[in-house]
Amino acid sequence: MSTWPTGQRIAVAVNVMYEQWSPGTAPGIGPVGNPLPKGATDYQALSWADYGHRTGIWRLLESLKRHDVKASVYPSGILAETAPDTLRAIVDGGHELCGHSWSQDVIAATLDEAEERAVIARSVEALETATGVRPTGWISPRCTPSAITARLLAEAGFGWFGDVFDADLPYLIDTDAGPIVGVPFDLDVNDMPLHIRYGQPHRALVTAFRDTLDALRAEDGQSYVDVTVHAHVAGRPAGRAALAEILEHLRETGDCWIATRGEIAATVIR
């Protein structure tokens, strides 16, 4: 029976997506109403997203500290300009700092090679300047890469990225710039589709997690679960409560390896 380095069969990574959009650009979806007509700025969605750096990230960091859990946190590079104190708090809390593009409206699939390389470099430089830490993991906005994202990330010195969905466990990807680990991103326990897209209460995150964990406990061999929250979504009181219940369950049962994605990627031999 295969296990993780700790001897446990199931690994759980807690991911905090910490996102911002370019000035004047609203998220494509929001919690209220339908998209506005083309050319209109959705100020409601803008204000909703800004909750992430004003309040949400602080609430999530406090909850992680209380439960002594280190998360993988994915800030947009632009936050180095707009909320650098939050980035320092992430690193000071011992969390894994990961790349998540410059802003959430900069989508890799819409860029040419030079543009995408520049976005990666700009994001890395901004995060490292603000925190003193260079990110070695990456997830693209919408978890949507281009055909060459893996190569460009390997070229930039990244050890892993999460824009893959075709496996249950991490695996090595060979690129012309060298190898990089693909750590599959699990969307089953994710507040964005559950709460925003499908309109479920925040408690649905707990149900999805328990169902997933029960199914994996019934199987043999290694397995891996992502628990993913967004600072502007689950950073609100009911969302934080749902995350806290998940973390408490993990601490009480003790049968899962609570790891960062970087720690999970490091188990893949290159």
C-alpha atoms as a PDB file:
ATOM      1  CA  MET A   1       0.000   0.000   0.000  1.00  0.00           C
ATOM      2  CA  SER A   2       1.506   3.354  -1.062  1.00  0.00           C
ATOM      3  CA  THR A   3       1.717   6.119   1.511  1.00  0.00           C
ATOM      4  CA  TRP A   4       3.033   9.677   1.759  1.00  0.00           C
ATOM      5  CA  PRO A   5       6.329  10.429   3.580  1.00  0.00           C
ATOM      6  CA  THR A   6       4.450  10.667   6.886  1.00  0.00           C
ATOM      7  CA  GLY A   7       3.089   7.141   6.505  1.00  0.00           C
ATOM      8  CA  GLN A   8      -0.454   8.388   5.882  1.00  0.00           C
ATOM      9  CA  ARG A   9      -2.401   7.433   2.754  1.00  0.00           C
ATOM     10  CA  ILE A  10      -4.286  10.710   2.231  1.00  0.00           C
ATOM     11  CA  ALA A  11      -2.722  14.120   1.721  1.00  0.00           C
ATOM     12  CA  VAL A  12      -4.784  17.303   2.103  1.00  0.00           C
ATOM     13  CA  ALA A  13      -3.662  20.702   0.848  1.00  0.00           C
ATOM     14  CA  VAL A  14      -5.423  23.885   1.935  1.00  0.00           C
ATOM     15  CA  ASN A  15      -5.344  26.499  -0.829  1.00  0.00           C
ATOM     16  CA  VAL A  16      -6.186  30.169  -0.351  1.00  0.00           C
ATOM     17  CA  MET A  17      -6.769  32.005  -3.618  1.00  0.00           C
ATOM     18  CA  TYR A  18      -6.082  35.680  -2.974  1.00  0.00           C
ATOM     19  CA  GLU A  19      -7.140  37.582  -6.053  1.00  0.00           C
ATOM     20  CA  GLN A  20      -7.378  41.054  -7.504  1.00  0.00           C
ATOM     21  CA  TRP A  21      -8.240  42.436 -10.909  1.00  0.00           C
ATOM     22  CA  SER A  22      -6.680  45.274 -12.909  1.00  0.00           C
ATOM     23  CA  PRO A  23      -7.880  48.780 -11.946  1.00  0.00           C
ATOM     24  CA  GLY A  24     -11.391  49.344 -13.241  1.00  0.00           C
ATOM     25  CA  THR A  25     -11.812  45.697 -14.272  1.00  0.00           C
ATOM     26  CA  ALA A  26     -14.508  43.726 -12.468  1.00  0.00           C
ATOM     27  CA  PRO A  27     -14.627  39.959 -11.954  1.00  0.00           C
ATOM     28  CA  GLY A  28     -16.495  38.112 -14.670  1.00  0.00           C
ATOM     29  CA  ILE A  29     -18.907  36.721 -12.098  1.00  0.00           C
ATOM     30  CA  GLY A  30     -20.314  38.100  -8.886  1.00  0.00           C
ATOM     31  CA  PRO A  31     -22.737  36.956  -6.199  1.00  0.00           C
ATOM     32  CA  VAL A  32     -25.662  39.120  -7.333  1.00  0.00           C
ATOM     33  CA  GLY A  33     -27.413  39.404 -10.677  1.00  0.00           C
ATOM     34  CA  ASN A  34     -26.384  38.739 -14.258  1.00  0.00           C
ATOM     35  CA  PRO A  35     -23.438  40.266 -16.147  1.00  0.00           C
ATOM     36  CA  LEU A  36     -23.981  43.899 -17.094  1.00  0.00           C
ATOM     37  CA  PRO A  37     -24.176  45.054 -20.719  1.00  0.00           C
ATOM     38  CA  LYS A  38     -20.872  45.219 -22.586  1.00  0.00           C
ATOM     39  CA  GLY A  39     -18.924  48.360 -21.709  1.00  0.00           C
ATOM     40  CA  ALA A  40     -20.555  48.856 -18.292  1.00  0.00           C
ATOM     41  CA  THR A  41     -18.384  48.547 -15.194  1.00  0.00           C
ATOM     42  CA  ASP A  42     -19.814  46.263 -12.524  1.00  0.00           C
ATOM     43  CA  TYR A  43     -18.978  48.251  -9.398  1.00  0.00           C
ATOM     44  CA  GLN A  44     -20.847  45.773  -7.220  1.00  0.00           C
ATOM     45  CA  ALA A  45     -18.536  42.963  -8.370  1.00  0.00           C
ATOM     46  CA  LEU A  46     -15.502  45.236  -7.912  1.00  0.00           C
ATOM     47  CA  SER A  47     -16.477  46.025  -4.339  1.00  0.00           C
ATOM     48  CA  TRP A  48     -17.251  42.355  -3.652  1.00  0.00           C
ATOM     49  CA  ALA A  49     -13.773  41.339  -4.843  1.00  0.00           C
ATOM     50  CA  ASP A  50     -12.051  44.062  -2.793  1.00  0.00           C
ATOM     51  CA  TYR A  51     -13.374  42.390   0.354  1.00  0.00           C
ATOM     52  CA  GLY A  52     -10.565  39.874  -0.108  1.00  0.00           C
ATOM     53  CA  HIS A  53      -7.728  42.239   0.783  1.00  0.00           C
ATOM     54  CA  ARG A  54      -9.677  44.477   3.152  1.00  0.00           C
ATOM     55  CA  THR A  55     -11.057  41.731   5.390  1.00  0.00           C
ATOM     56  CA  GLY A  56     -11.180  38.225   3.948  1.00  0.00           C
ATOM     57  CA  ILE A  57      -7.480  37.387   3.861  1.00  0.00           C
ATOM     58  CA  TRP A  58      -7.037  38.492   7.464  1.00  0.00           C
ATOM     59  CA  ARG A  59      -9.923  36.333   8.655  1.00  0.00           C
ATOM     60  CA  LEU A  60      -8.590  33.265   6.830  1.00  0.00           C
ATOM     61  CA  LEU A  61      -5.031  33.773   8.071  1.00  0.00           C
ATOM     62  CA  GLU A  62      -6.309  34.051  11.633  1.00  0.00           C
ATOM     63  CA  SER A  63      -8.264  30.806  11.277  1.00  0.00           C
ATOM     64  CA  LEU A  64      -5.269  28.967   9.811  1.00  0.00           C
ATOM     65  CA  LYS A  65      -3.103  30.194  12.668  1.00  0.00           C
ATOM     66  CA  ARG A  66      -5.644  29.082  15.252  1.00  0.00           C
ATOM     67  CA  HIS A  67      -5.659  25.565  13.809  1.00  0.00           C
ATOM     68  CA  ASP A  68      -1.898  25.513  13.195  1.00  0.00           C
ATOM     69  CA  VAL A  69      -2.255  24.770   9.475  1.00  0.00           C
ATOM     70  CA  LYS A  70       0.101  26.008   6.778  1.00  0.00           C
ATOM     71  CA  ALA A  71      -1.672  26.756   3.493  1.00  0.00           C
ATOM     72  CA  SER A  72      -0.603  27.328  -0.072  1.00  0.00           C
ATOM     73  CA  VAL A  73      -1.611  30.939  -0.791  1.00  0.00           C
ATOM     74  CA  TYR A  74      -1.945  32.373  -4.306  1.00  0.00           C
ATOM     75  CA  PRO A  75      -1.889  36.179  -4.424  1.00  0.00           C
ATOM     76  CA  SER A  76      -2.200  38.133  -7.640  1.00  0.00           C
ATOM     77  CA  GLY A  77       1.053  39.979  -8.268  1.00  0.00           C
ATOM     78  CA  ILE A  78      -0.746  43.329  -8.296  1.00  0.00           C
ATOM     79  CA  LEU A  79      -1.377  42.924  -4.558  1.00  0.00           C
ATOM     80  CA  ALA A  80       2.298  43.715  -4.013  1.00  0.00           C
ATOM     81  CA  GLU A  81       1.333  47.264  -4.986  1.00  0.00           C
ATOM     82  CA  THR A  82      -2.123  47.509  -3.418  1.00  0.00           C
ATOM     83  CA  ALA A  83      -1.830  45.417  -0.222  1.00  0.00           C
ATOM     84  CA  PRO A  84       1.826  44.537   0.476  1.00  0.00           C
ATOM     85  CA  ASP A  85       1.172  44.186   4.223  1.00  0.00           C
ATOM     86  CA  THR A  86      -1.065  41.198   3.547  1.00  0.00           C
ATOM     87  CA  LEU A  87       1.666  39.481   1.530  1.00  0.00           C
ATOM     88  CA  ARG A  88       4.150  39.926   4.345  1.00  0.00           C
ATOM     89  CA  ALA A  89       1.595  38.487   6.779  1.00  0.00           C
ATOM     90  CA  ILE A  90       1.218  35.411   4.561  1.00  0.00           C
ATOM     91  CA  VAL A  91       4.956  34.747   4.581  1.00  0.00           C
ATOM     92  CA  ASP A  92       5.347  35.621   8.274  1.00  0.00           C
ATOM     93  CA  GLY A  93       2.646  33.037   9.003  1.00  0.00           C
ATOM     94  CA  GLY A  94       4.783  30.331   7.420  1.00  0.00           C
ATOM     95  CA  HIS A  95       2.486  29.748   4.476  1.00  0.00           C
ATOM     96  CA  GLU A  96       3.637  28.738   1.008  1.00  0.00           C
ATOM     97  CA  LEU A  97       3.639  31.742  -1.346  1.00  0.00           C
ATOM     98  CA  CYS A  98       2.586  30.797  -4.890  1.00  0.00           C
ATOM     99  CA  GLY A  99       2.213  32.691  -8.158  1.00  0.00           C
ATOM    100  CA  HIS A 100      -1.236  33.473  -9.572  1.00  0.00           C
ATOM    101  CA  SER A 101      -0.479  35.801 -12.508  1.00  0.00           C
ATOM    102  CA  TRP A 102      -0.388  39.590 -12.266  1.00  0.00           C
ATOM    103  CA  SER A 103      -4.143  40.045 -12.052  1.00  0.00           C
ATOM    104  CA  GLN A 104      -7.113  37.772 -12.585  1.00  0.00           C
ATOM    105  CA  ASP A 105      -8.094  39.332 -15.896  1.00  0.00           C
ATOM    106  CA  VAL A 106      -4.687  38.467 -17.422  1.00  0.00           C
ATOM    107  CA  ILE A 107      -5.413  35.028 -18.889  1.00  0.00           C
ATOM    108  CA  ALA A 108      -2.502  32.984 -20.241  1.00  0.00           C
ATOM    109  CA  ALA A 109      -4.517  31.491 -23.104  1.00  0.00           C
ATOM    110  CA  THR A 110      -5.040  34.991 -24.551  1.00  0.00           C
ATOM    111  CA  LEU A 111      -1.340  35.969 -24.536  1.00  0.00           C
ATOM    112  CA  ASP A 112       1.479  35.361 -26.975  1.00  0.00           C
ATOM    113  CA  GLU A 113       4.747  33.840 -25.727  1.00  0.00           C
ATOM    114  CA  ALA A 114       6.512  37.129 -25.031  1.00  0.00           C
ATOM    115  CA  GLU A 115       3.501  38.535 -23.187  1.00  0.00           C
ATOM    116  CA  GLU A 116       3.068  35.437 -21.024  1.00  0.00           C
ATOM    117  CA  ARG A 117       6.775  35.303 -20.170  1.00  0.00           C
ATOM    118  CA  ALA A 118       6.628  38.964 -19.155  1.00  0.00           C
ATOM    119  CA  VAL A 119       3.564  38.398 -16.935  1.00  0.00           C
ATOM    120  CA  ILE A 120       5.294  35.540 -15.125  1.00  0.00           C
ATOM    121  CA  ALA A 121       8.441  37.611 -14.593  1.00  0.00           C
ATOM    122  CA  ARG A 122       6.485  40.643 -13.409  1.00  0.00           C
ATOM    123  CA  SER A 123       4.467  38.577 -10.951  1.00  0.00           C
ATOM    124  CA  VAL A 124       7.527  36.837  -9.515  1.00  0.00           C
ATOM    125  CA  GLU A 125       9.466  40.084  -9.144  1.00  0.00           C
ATOM    126  CA  ALA A 126       6.555  41.815  -7.405  1.00  0.00           C
ATOM    127  CA  LEU A 127       5.963  39.010  -4.902  1.00  0.00           C
ATOM    128  CA  GLU A 128       9.653  38.587  -4.153  1.00  0.00           C
ATOM    129  CA  THR A 129      10.187  42.326  -3.698  1.00  0.00           C
ATOM    130  CA  ALA A 130       7.243  42.588  -1.303  1.00  0.00           C
ATOM    131  CA  THR A 131       8.077  39.508   0.794  1.00  0.00           C
ATOM    132  CA  GLY A 132      11.678  38.474   0.203  1.00  0.00           C
ATOM    133  CA  VAL A 133      10.385  35.074  -0.936  1.00  0.00           C
ATOM    134  CA  ARG A 134      10.432  33.824  -4.510  1.00  0.00           C
ATOM    135  CA  PRO A 135       7.400  31.651  -5.366  1.00  0.00           C
ATOM    136  CA  THR A 136       8.169  28.185  -6.725  1.00  0.00           C
ATOM    137  CA  GLY A 137       4.567  27.094  -7.408  1.00  0.00           C
ATOM    138  CA  TRP A 138       1.928  28.553  -9.722  1.00  0.00           C
ATOM    139  CA  ILE A 139      -1.732  28.326 -10.647  1.00  0.00           C
ATOM    140  CA  SER A 140      -3.052  30.419 -13.526  1.00  0.00           C
ATOM    141  CA  PRO A 141      -6.219  32.524 -13.297  1.00  0.00           C
ATOM    142  CA  ARG A 142      -9.195  30.220 -13.853  1.00  0.00           C
ATOM    143  CA  CYS A 143      -6.618  27.391 -13.571  1.00  0.00           C
ATOM    144  CA  THR A 144      -6.381  27.853 -17.331  1.00  0.00           C
ATOM    145  CA  PRO A 145      -2.896  27.691 -18.878  1.00  0.00           C
ATOM    146  CA  SER A 146      -1.744  28.244 -22.409  1.00  0.00           C
ATOM    147  CA  ALA A 147      -0.123  25.495 -24.464  1.00  0.00           C
ATOM    148  CA  ILE A 148       3.312  26.714 -23.308  1.00  0.00           C
ATOM    149  CA  THR A 149       2.693  27.685 -19.666  1.00  0.00           C
ATOM    150  CA  ALA A 150       4.479  24.605 -18.308  1.00  0.00           C
ATOM    151  CA  ARG A 151       7.597  25.372 -20.354  1.00  0.00           C
ATOM    152  CA  LEU A 152       7.648  29.046 -19.409  1.00  0.00           C
ATOM    153  CA  LEU A 153       7.246  28.238 -15.715  1.00  0.00           C
ATOM    154  CA  ALA A 154      10.058  25.669 -15.859  1.00  0.00           C
ATOM    155  CA  GLU A 155      12.184  28.263 -17.650  1.00  0.00           C
ATOM    156  CA  ALA A 156      11.452  30.743 -14.836  1.00  0.00           C
ATOM    157  CA  GLY A 157      12.579  28.248 -12.190  1.00  0.00           C
ATOM    158  CA  PHE A 158       9.209  27.036 -10.919  1.00  0.00           C
ATOM    159  CA  GLY A 159       9.151  23.550  -9.434  1.00  0.00           C
ATOM    160  CA  TRP A 160       5.443  22.849  -9.881  1.00  0.00           C
ATOM    161  CA  PHE A 161       2.183  24.191 -11.252  1.00  0.00           C
ATOM    162  CA  GLY A 162      -1.446  23.243 -10.737  1.00  0.00           C
ATOM    163  CA  ASP A 163      -3.100  23.799 -14.117  1.00  0.00           C
ATOM    164  CA  VAL A 164      -3.614  20.064 -14.698  1.00  0.00           C
ATOM    165  CA  PHE A 165      -6.766  18.012 -14.162  1.00  0.00           C
ATOM    166  CA  ASP A 166      -5.966  14.656 -15.758  1.00  0.00           C
ATOM    167  CA  ALA A 167      -4.706  12.670 -12.758  1.00  0.00           C
ATOM    168  CA  ASP A 168      -5.252  12.076  -9.057  1.00  0.00           C
ATOM    169  CA  LEU A 169      -1.610  12.354  -8.001  1.00  0.00           C
ATOM    170  CA  PRO A 170       1.287  14.672  -8.944  1.00  0.00           C
ATOM    171  CA  TYR A 171       3.443  13.663 -11.888  1.00  0.00           C
ATOM    172  CA  LEU A 172       6.477  14.875 -13.782  1.00  0.00           C
ATOM    173  CA  ILE A 173       6.084  16.884 -16.980  1.00  0.00           C
ATOM    174  CA  ASP A 174       9.040  17.184 -19.341  1.00  0.00           C
ATOM    175  CA  THR A 175       9.353  20.502 -21.193  1.00  0.00           C
ATOM    176  CA  ASP A 176      11.989  21.965 -23.503  1.00  0.00           C
ATOM    177  CA  ALA A 177      13.095  24.095 -20.531  1.00  0.00           C
ATOM    178  CA  GLY A 178      13.388  21.133 -18.170  1.00  0.00           C
ATOM    179  CA  PRO A 179      11.009  19.176 -15.915  1.00  0.00           C
ATOM    180  CA  ILE A 180       8.209  20.594 -13.806  1.00  0.00           C
ATOM    181  CA  VAL A 181       5.776  18.773 -11.527  1.00  0.00           C
ATOM    182  CA  GLY A 182       2.094  18.923 -12.359  1.00  0.00           C
ATOM    183  CA  VAL A 183       0.046  18.860  -9.152  1.00  0.00           C
ATOM    184  CA  PRO A 184      -3.558  18.176 -10.218  1.00  0.00           C
ATOM    185  CA  PHE A 185      -6.083  20.704  -8.978  1.00  0.00           C
ATOM    186  CA  ASP A 186      -9.180  19.137  -7.410  1.00  0.00           C
ATOM    187  CA  LEU A 187     -12.303  21.271  -7.824  1.00  0.00           C
ATOM    188  CA  ASP A 188     -14.677  19.165  -5.727  1.00  0.00           C
ATOM    189  CA  VAL A 189     -13.991  21.062  -2.474  1.00  0.00           C
ATOM    190  CA  ASN A 190     -13.838  24.617  -3.785  1.00  0.00           C
ATOM    191  CA  ASP A 191     -15.932  27.570  -2.621  1.00  0.00           C
ATOM    192  CA  MET A 192     -16.061  29.295  -6.015  1.00  0.00           C
ATOM    193  CA  PRO A 193     -18.069  26.690  -7.946  1.00  0.00           C
ATOM    194  CA  LEU A 194     -20.017  25.489  -4.909  1.00  0.00           C
ATOM    195  CA  HIS A 195     -21.013  28.847  -3.436  1.00  0.00           C
ATOM    196  CA  ILE A 196     -20.868  31.317  -6.325  1.00  0.00           C
ATOM    197  CA  ARG A 197     -21.580  29.276  -9.438  1.00  0.00           C
ATOM    198  CA  TYR A 198     -24.074  26.825  -7.932  1.00  0.00           C
ATOM    199  CA  GLY A 199     -25.453  28.969  -5.105  1.00  0.00           C
ATOM    200  CA  GLN A 200     -24.856  26.486  -2.301  1.00  0.00           C
ATOM    201  CA  PRO A 201     -24.427  27.706   1.297  1.00  0.00           C
ATOM    202  CA  HIS A 202     -20.873  27.783   2.630  1.00  0.00           C
ATOM    203  CA  ARG A 203     -21.607  24.623   4.616  1.00  0.00           C
ATOM    204  CA  ALA A 204     -21.673  22.734   1.303  1.00  0.00           C
ATOM    205  CA  LEU A 205     -17.876  22.954   1.423  1.00  0.00           C
ATOM    206  CA  VAL A 206     -17.890  20.805   4.572  1.00  0.00           C
ATOM    207  CA  THR A 207     -20.254  18.264   3.038  1.00  0.00           C
ATOM    208  CA  ALA A 208     -18.173  18.012  -0.125  1.00  0.00           C
ATOM    209  CA  PHE A 209     -15.012  17.545   1.914  1.00  0.00           C
ATOM    210  CA  ARG A 210     -16.458  14.868   4.195  1.00  0.00           C
ATOM    211  CA  ASP A 211     -17.940  12.979   1.230  1.00  0.00           C
ATOM    212  CA  THR A 212     -14.618  13.077  -0.608  1.00  0.00           C
ATOM    213  CA  LEU A 213     -12.638  12.000   2.428  1.00  0.00           C
ATOM    214  CA  ASP A 214     -15.043   9.147   3.217  1.00  0.00           C
ATOM    215  CA  ALA A 215     -14.736   7.877  -0.358  1.00  0.00           C
ATOM    216  CA  LEU A 216     -10.931   7.994  -0.243  1.00  0.00           C
ATOM    217  CA  ARG A 217     -10.775   6.311   3.153  1.00  0.00           C
ATOM    218  CA  ALA A 218     -12.646   3.387   1.602  1.00  0.00           C
ATOM    219  CA  GLU A 219     -10.033   3.025  -1.145  1.00  0.00           C
ATOM    220  CA  ASP A 220      -6.494   1.651  -1.051  1.00  0.00           C
ATOM    221  CA  GLY A 221      -3.316   3.485  -1.965  1.00  0.00           C
ATOM    222  CA  GLN A 222      -2.225   7.106  -2.000  1.00  0.00           C
ATOM    223  CA  SER A 223      -4.731   9.867  -2.548  1.00  0.00           C
ATOM    224  CA  TYR A 224      -4.849  13.625  -2.441  1.00  0.00           C
ATOM    225  CA  VAL A 225      -7.516  16.265  -1.707  1.00  0.00           C
ATOM    226  CA  ASP A 226      -7.541  20.020  -2.298  1.00  0.00           C
ATOM    227  CA  VAL A 227      -9.532  22.272   0.022  1.00  0.00           C
ATOM    228  CA  THR A 228      -9.748  25.597  -1.785  1.00  0.00           C
ATOM    229  CA  VAL A 229     -11.151  28.885  -0.528  1.00  0.00           C
ATOM    230  CA  HIS A 230     -11.029  32.391  -1.965  1.00  0.00           C
ATOM    231  CA  ALA A 231     -10.317  35.365   0.285  1.00  0.00           C
ATOM    232  CA  HIS A 232     -13.216  37.341  -1.172  1.00  0.00           C
ATOM    233  CA  VAL A 233     -15.644  34.394  -1.001  1.00  0.00           C
ATOM    234  CA  ALA A 234     -14.997  32.181   2.042  1.00  0.00           C
ATOM    235  CA  GLY A 235     -13.189  34.967   3.853  1.00  0.00           C
ATOM    236  CA  ARG A 236     -16.626  35.966   5.166  1.00  0.00           C
ATOM    237  CA  PRO A 237     -17.937  34.661   8.507  1.00  0.00           C
ATOM    238  CA  ALA A 238     -19.880  31.611   7.291  1.00  0.00           C
ATOM    239  CA  GLY A 239     -17.070  30.650   4.933  1.00  0.00           C
ATOM    240  CA  ARG A 240     -14.479  30.886   7.674  1.00  0.00           C
ATOM    241  CA  ALA A 241     -16.702  28.722   9.882  1.00  0.00           C
ATOM    242  CA  ALA A 242     -16.894  26.060   7.163  1.00  0.00           C
ATOM    243  CA  LEU A 243     -13.121  26.045   6.751  1.00  0.00           C
ATOM    244  CA  ALA A 244     -12.668  25.860  10.531  1.00  0.00           C
ATOM    245  CA  GLU A 245     -14.911  22.793  10.697  1.00  0.00           C
ATOM    246  CA  ILE A 246     -12.821  21.095   8.012  1.00  0.00           C
ATOM    247  CA  LEU A 247      -9.576  21.919   9.808  1.00  0.00           C
ATOM    248  CA  GLU A 248     -10.953  20.730  13.140  1.00  0.00           C
ATOM    249  CA  HIS A 249     -11.996  17.424  11.567  1.00  0.00           C
ATOM    250  CA  LEU A 250      -8.518  16.927  10.126  1.00  0.00           C
ATOM    251  CA  ARG A 251      -6.883  17.645  13.467  1.00  0.00           C
ATOM    252  CA  GLU A 252      -9.262  15.347  15.354  1.00  0.00           C
ATOM    253  CA  THR A 253      -8.916  12.339  13.043  1.00  0.00           C
ATOM    254  CA  GLY A 254      -5.191  12.725  12.369  1.00  0.00           C
ATOM    255  CA  ASP A 255      -5.228  10.236   9.491  1.00  0.00           C
ATOM    256  CA  CYS A 256      -4.328  12.770   6.773  1.00  0.00           C
ATOM    257  CA  TRP A 257      -1.061  14.487   5.947  1.00  0.00           C
ATOM    258  CA  ILE A 258      -1.860  18.219   5.927  1.00  0.00           C
ATOM    259  CA  ALA A 259       0.695  19.539   3.471  1.00  0.00           C
ATOM    260  CA  THR A 260       1.395  22.450   1.189  1.00  0.00           C
ATOM    261  CA  ARG A 261       1.316  21.774  -2.523  1.00  0.00           C
ATOM    262  CA  GLY A 262       5.054  22.392  -2.635  1.00  0.00           C
ATOM    263  CA  GLU A 263       5.588  19.614  -0.089  1.00  0.00           C
ATOM    264  CA  ILE A 264       3.393  17.308  -2.142  1.00  0.00           C
ATOM    265  CA  ALA A 265       5.251  18.192  -5.358  1.00  0.00           C
ATOM    266  CA  ALA A 266       8.563  17.443  -3.648  1.00  0.00           C
ATOM    267  CA  THR A 267       7.573  13.776  -3.355  1.00  0.00           C
ATOM    268  CA  VAL A 268       7.858  13.388  -7.139  1.00  0.00           C
ATOM    269  CA  ILE A 269      11.350  12.197  -8.108  1.00  0.00           C
ATOM    270  CA  ARG A 270      12.910  14.236 -10.912  1.00  0.00           C
END
